Amino acid sequence: MPTKQDWEWLAAGSEYQTAIAIQQLLQEEKWMEASVGLYELIESMGKSKKLALTSQLTRLMAHVIKWKCQPELRSSSWIITIRSARQEIADIQEEVPSLNRNFIESIWDKCFYRAVKDAEDEMGKLCELSALSWEEVLTEEYALFKRN
């Protein structure tokens, strides 16, 4: 019987291979072993979605920071990146509803500080912002022109 550590290692390496192993155990009617494997698979998938959401939020914040700190360099690619990161976050939240506003608020400061460093490196200058609001990051519309 695979140990908890075996399942953790397998799930971290390949969610697909973990699902195949669980399927084999179910076919062999090894319910307890399959249950342990399924638990570890779910845990692994949750971790990867949390990391993806953290990455997208950091990317989103970095572009909002650049938008605010370098208005003379605003571009359509920044708008597309902001829109894309927001959509990725929404998609992750749809797939994993527990990664809701409370989760985002719990990682907000960590993502902001990472985003500041990323934006400063890209801009080649220090950032004067000390915070970003929920609205600035997740709802405010950024555009190079006014839409009717």
C-alpha atoms as a PDB file:
ATOM      1  CA  MET A   1       0.000   0.000   0.000  1.00  0.00           C
ATOM      2  CA  PRO A   2       1.416   3.444  -0.930  1.00  0.00           C
ATOM      3  CA  THR A   3       2.212   5.672   2.042  1.00  0.00           C
ATOM      4  CA  LYS A   4       0.967   9.238   2.504  1.00  0.00           C
ATOM      5  CA  GLN A   5       4.426  10.460   1.440  1.00  0.00           C
ATOM      6  CA  ASP A   6       4.291   8.267  -1.686  1.00  0.00           C
ATOM      7  CA  TRP A   7       0.956   9.809  -2.621  1.00  0.00           C
ATOM      8  CA  GLU A   8       2.207  13.340  -1.906  1.00  0.00           C
ATOM      9  CA  TRP A   9       5.237  12.753  -4.114  1.00  0.00           C
ATOM     10  CA  LEU A  10       3.149  11.243  -6.927  1.00  0.00           C
ATOM     11  CA  ALA A  11       0.502  13.993  -6.797  1.00  0.00           C
ATOM     12  CA  ALA A  12       3.141  16.733  -6.783  1.00  0.00           C
ATOM     13  CA  GLY A  13       4.830  15.173  -9.812  1.00  0.00           C
ATOM     14  CA  SER A  14       1.809  14.295 -11.941  1.00  0.00           C
ATOM     15  CA  GLU A  15      -1.841  14.761 -11.142  1.00  0.00           C
ATOM     16  CA  TYR A  16      -2.677  12.610 -14.163  1.00  0.00           C
ATOM     17  CA  GLN A  17      -0.514   9.689 -13.008  1.00  0.00           C
ATOM     18  CA  THR A  18      -2.053   9.993  -9.541  1.00  0.00           C
ATOM     19  CA  ALA A  19      -5.550   9.748 -11.023  1.00  0.00           C
ATOM     20  CA  ILE A  20      -4.493   6.657 -13.001  1.00  0.00           C
ATOM     21  CA  ALA A  21      -3.111   5.036  -9.827  1.00  0.00           C
ATOM     22  CA  ILE A  22      -6.351   5.799  -7.975  1.00  0.00           C
ATOM     23  CA  GLN A  23      -8.388   4.366 -10.847  1.00  0.00           C
ATOM     24  CA  GLN A  24      -6.363   1.136 -10.688  1.00  0.00           C
ATOM     25  CA  LEU A  25      -6.959   0.853  -6.949  1.00  0.00           C
ATOM     26  CA  LEU A  26     -10.679   1.402  -7.425  1.00  0.00           C
ATOM     27  CA  GLN A  27     -10.787  -1.339 -10.071  1.00  0.00           C
ATOM     28  CA  GLU A  28      -9.033  -3.614  -7.574  1.00  0.00           C
ATOM     29  CA  GLU A  29     -11.614  -2.554  -4.940  1.00  0.00           C
ATOM     30  CA  LYS A  30      -8.896  -1.166  -2.651  1.00  0.00           C
ATOM     31  CA  TRP A  31     -11.146   1.568  -1.296  1.00  0.00           C
ATOM     32  CA  MET A  32      -8.998   2.811   1.611  1.00  0.00           C
ATOM     33  CA  GLU A  33      -5.830   3.140  -0.480  1.00  0.00           C
ATOM     34  CA  ALA A  34      -7.777   4.898  -3.227  1.00  0.00           C
ATOM     35  CA  SER A  35      -9.300   7.249  -0.651  1.00  0.00           C
ATOM     36  CA  VAL A  36      -5.855   8.272   0.652  1.00  0.00           C
ATOM     37  CA  GLY A  37      -4.635   8.842  -2.900  1.00  0.00           C
ATOM     38  CA  LEU A  38      -7.697  10.878  -3.789  1.00  0.00           C
ATOM     39  CA  TYR A  39      -7.243  13.069  -0.713  1.00  0.00           C
ATOM     40  CA  GLU A  40      -3.618  13.805  -1.671  1.00  0.00           C
ATOM     41  CA  LEU A  41      -4.610  14.494  -5.279  1.00  0.00           C
ATOM     42  CA  ILE A  42      -7.207  17.032  -4.140  1.00  0.00           C
ATOM     43  CA  GLU A  43      -4.685  18.664  -1.795  1.00  0.00           C
ATOM     44  CA  SER A  44      -2.114  18.903  -4.585  1.00  0.00           C
ATOM     45  CA  MET A  45      -4.594  20.413  -7.011  1.00  0.00           C
ATOM     46  CA  GLY A  46      -5.649  22.979  -4.405  1.00  0.00           C
ATOM     47  CA  LYS A  47      -2.033  23.977  -3.809  1.00  0.00           C
ATOM     48  CA  SER A  48      -1.368  24.459  -7.511  1.00  0.00           C
ATOM     49  CA  LYS A  49      -4.496  26.628  -7.890  1.00  0.00           C
ATOM     50  CA  LYS A  50      -3.446  28.742  -4.899  1.00  0.00           C
ATOM     51  CA  LEU A  51      -0.018  29.246  -6.449  1.00  0.00           C
ATOM     52  CA  ALA A  52      -1.596  30.136  -9.802  1.00  0.00           C
ATOM     53  CA  LEU A  53      -3.937  32.666  -8.196  1.00  0.00           C
ATOM     54  CA  THR A  54      -1.056  34.201  -6.223  1.00  0.00           C
ATOM     55  CA  SER A  55       0.997  34.491  -9.402  1.00  0.00           C
ATOM     56  CA  GLN A  56      -1.848  36.087 -11.373  1.00  0.00           C
ATOM     57  CA  LEU A  57      -2.645  38.550  -8.580  1.00  0.00           C
ATOM     58  CA  THR A  58       1.008  39.583  -8.368  1.00  0.00           C
ATOM     59  CA  ARG A  59       1.190  40.029 -12.165  1.00  0.00           C
ATOM     60  CA  LEU A  60      -2.039  42.036 -12.125  1.00  0.00           C
ATOM     61  CA  MET A  61      -0.839  44.294  -9.327  1.00  0.00           C
ATOM     62  CA  ALA A  62       2.517  44.892 -11.027  1.00  0.00           C
ATOM     63  CA  HIS A  63       0.766  46.140 -14.156  1.00  0.00           C
ATOM     64  CA  VAL A  64      -1.599  48.362 -12.176  1.00  0.00           C
ATOM     65  CA  ILE A  65       1.442  49.805 -10.373  1.00  0.00           C
ATOM     66  CA  LYS A  66       3.192  50.489 -13.694  1.00  0.00           C
ATOM     67  CA  TRP A  67      -0.035  52.064 -15.027  1.00  0.00           C
ATOM     68  CA  LYS A  68      -0.152  54.441 -12.079  1.00  0.00           C
ATOM     69  CA  CYS A  69       3.591  55.192 -11.893  1.00  0.00           C
ATOM     70  CA  GLN A  70       4.370  55.552 -15.598  1.00  0.00           C
ATOM     71  CA  PRO A  71       1.336  57.156 -17.280  1.00  0.00           C
ATOM     72  CA  GLU A  72       3.506  58.266 -20.207  1.00  0.00           C
ATOM     73  CA  LEU A  73       4.277  54.630 -21.083  1.00  0.00           C
ATOM     74  CA  ARG A  74       0.750  53.207 -20.872  1.00  0.00           C
ATOM     75  CA  SER A  75       0.057  50.739 -23.625  1.00  0.00           C
ATOM     76  CA  SER A  76      -2.589  48.410 -24.937  1.00  0.00           C
ATOM     77  CA  SER A  77      -0.458  45.434 -23.864  1.00  0.00           C
ATOM     78  CA  TRP A  78      -0.741  46.583 -20.232  1.00  0.00           C
ATOM     79  CA  ILE A  79      -4.538  46.758 -20.579  1.00  0.00           C
ATOM     80  CA  ILE A  80      -4.601  43.278 -22.111  1.00  0.00           C
ATOM     81  CA  THR A  81      -2.389  41.919 -19.304  1.00  0.00           C
ATOM     82  CA  ILE A  82      -4.667  43.466 -16.656  1.00  0.00           C
ATOM     83  CA  ARG A  83      -7.767  42.018 -18.316  1.00  0.00           C
ATOM     84  CA  SER A  84      -6.118  38.623 -18.818  1.00  0.00           C
ATOM     85  CA  ALA A  85      -4.921  38.357 -15.202  1.00  0.00           C
ATOM     86  CA  ARG A  86      -8.384  39.301 -13.933  1.00  0.00           C
ATOM     87  CA  GLN A  87      -9.962  36.641 -16.136  1.00  0.00           C
ATOM     88  CA  GLU A  88      -7.446  34.000 -14.975  1.00  0.00           C
ATOM     89  CA  ILE A  89      -8.265  34.849 -11.354  1.00  0.00           C
ATOM     90  CA  ALA A  90     -11.994  34.585 -12.075  1.00  0.00           C
ATOM     91  CA  ASP A  91     -11.482  31.241 -13.842  1.00  0.00           C
ATOM     92  CA  ILE A  92      -9.513  29.862 -10.886  1.00  0.00           C
ATOM     93  CA  GLN A  93     -12.205  31.063  -8.476  1.00  0.00           C
ATOM     94  CA  GLU A  94     -14.899  29.407 -10.583  1.00  0.00           C
ATOM     95  CA  GLU A  95     -12.987  26.132 -10.504  1.00  0.00           C
ATOM     96  CA  VAL A  96     -12.097  26.386  -6.787  1.00  0.00           C
ATOM     97  CA  PRO A  97     -14.780  28.468  -5.015  1.00  0.00           C
ATOM     98  CA  SER A  98     -12.849  28.448  -1.716  1.00  0.00           C
ATOM     99  CA  LEU A  99     -10.290  30.772  -3.354  1.00  0.00           C
ATOM    100  CA  ASN A 100     -12.686  33.647  -2.779  1.00  0.00           C
ATOM    101  CA  ARG A 101     -12.305  37.249  -1.650  1.00  0.00           C
ATOM    102  CA  ASN A 102     -11.258  36.113   1.837  1.00  0.00           C
ATOM    103  CA  PHE A 103      -8.420  34.058   0.356  1.00  0.00           C
ATOM    104  CA  ILE A 104      -7.335  36.936  -1.888  1.00  0.00           C
ATOM    105  CA  GLU A 105      -7.361  39.323   1.069  1.00  0.00           C
ATOM    106  CA  SER A 106      -5.190  36.849   3.020  1.00  0.00           C
ATOM    107  CA  ILE A 107      -2.465  36.988   0.329  1.00  0.00           C
ATOM    108  CA  TRP A 108      -2.969  40.643  -0.672  1.00  0.00           C
ATOM    109  CA  ASP A 109      -0.010  42.184   1.169  1.00  0.00           C
ATOM    110  CA  LYS A 110       2.413  39.437   0.094  1.00  0.00           C
ATOM    111  CA  CYS A 111       1.371  39.867  -3.541  1.00  0.00           C
ATOM    112  CA  PHE A 112       1.548  43.664  -3.313  1.00  0.00           C
ATOM    113  CA  TYR A 113       5.124  43.635  -2.014  1.00  0.00           C
ATOM    114  CA  ARG A 114       6.186  41.179  -4.712  1.00  0.00           C
ATOM    115  CA  ALA A 115       4.409  43.256  -7.348  1.00  0.00           C
ATOM    116  CA  VAL A 116       6.162  46.436  -6.198  1.00  0.00           C
ATOM    117  CA  LYS A 117       9.553  44.761  -6.616  1.00  0.00           C
ATOM    118  CA  ASP A 118       8.598  43.396 -10.045  1.00  0.00           C
ATOM    119  CA  ALA A 119       7.242  46.761 -11.202  1.00  0.00           C
ATOM    120  CA  GLU A 120      10.278  48.640  -9.899  1.00  0.00           C
ATOM    121  CA  ASP A 121      12.604  46.268 -11.750  1.00  0.00           C
ATOM    122  CA  GLU A 122      10.614  46.701 -14.968  1.00  0.00           C
ATOM    123  CA  MET A 123      10.327  50.485 -14.611  1.00  0.00           C
ATOM    124  CA  GLY A 124      13.895  51.025 -13.472  1.00  0.00           C
ATOM    125  CA  LYS A 125      12.713  53.320 -10.696  1.00  0.00           C
ATOM    126  CA  LEU A 126      11.269  53.187  -7.200  1.00  0.00           C
ATOM    127  CA  CYS A 127       7.525  52.976  -6.683  1.00  0.00           C
ATOM    128  CA  GLU A 128       5.895  55.659  -4.562  1.00  0.00           C
ATOM    129  CA  LEU A 129       2.713  53.637  -3.927  1.00  0.00           C
ATOM    130  CA  SER A 130       2.227  52.227  -0.445  1.00  0.00           C
ATOM    131  CA  ALA A 131      -0.956  50.266  -1.214  1.00  0.00           C
ATOM    132  CA  LEU A 132      -3.515  49.360  -3.845  1.00  0.00           C
ATOM    133  CA  SER A 133      -7.248  49.077  -3.232  1.00  0.00           C
ATOM    134  CA  TRP A 134      -9.472  46.179  -4.244  1.00  0.00           C
ATOM    135  CA  GLU A 135     -11.186  48.466  -6.770  1.00  0.00           C
ATOM    136  CA  GLU A 136      -7.908  49.601  -8.344  1.00  0.00           C
ATOM    137  CA  VAL A 137      -6.760  46.030  -8.821  1.00  0.00           C
ATOM    138  CA  LEU A 138      -9.909  44.068  -9.566  1.00  0.00           C
ATOM    139  CA  THR A 139     -12.653  46.373 -10.846  1.00  0.00           C
ATOM    140  CA  GLU A 140     -11.365  49.728 -12.130  1.00  0.00           C
ATOM    141  CA  GLU A 141     -11.402  49.970 -15.920  1.00  0.00           C
ATOM    142  CA  TYR A 142      -8.113  50.827 -17.575  1.00  0.00           C
ATOM    143  CA  ALA A 143      -8.248  52.148 -21.128  1.00  0.00           C
ATOM    144  CA  LEU A 144      -6.296  54.324 -23.523  1.00  0.00           C
ATOM    145  CA  PHE A 145      -9.556  55.801 -24.807  1.00  0.00           C
ATOM    146  CA  LYS A 146     -13.120  56.271 -23.549  1.00  0.00           C
ATOM    147  CA  ARG A 147     -15.700  53.683 -24.586  1.00  0.00           C
ATOM    148  CA  ASN A 148     -19.290  54.784 -25.202  1.00  0.00           C
END
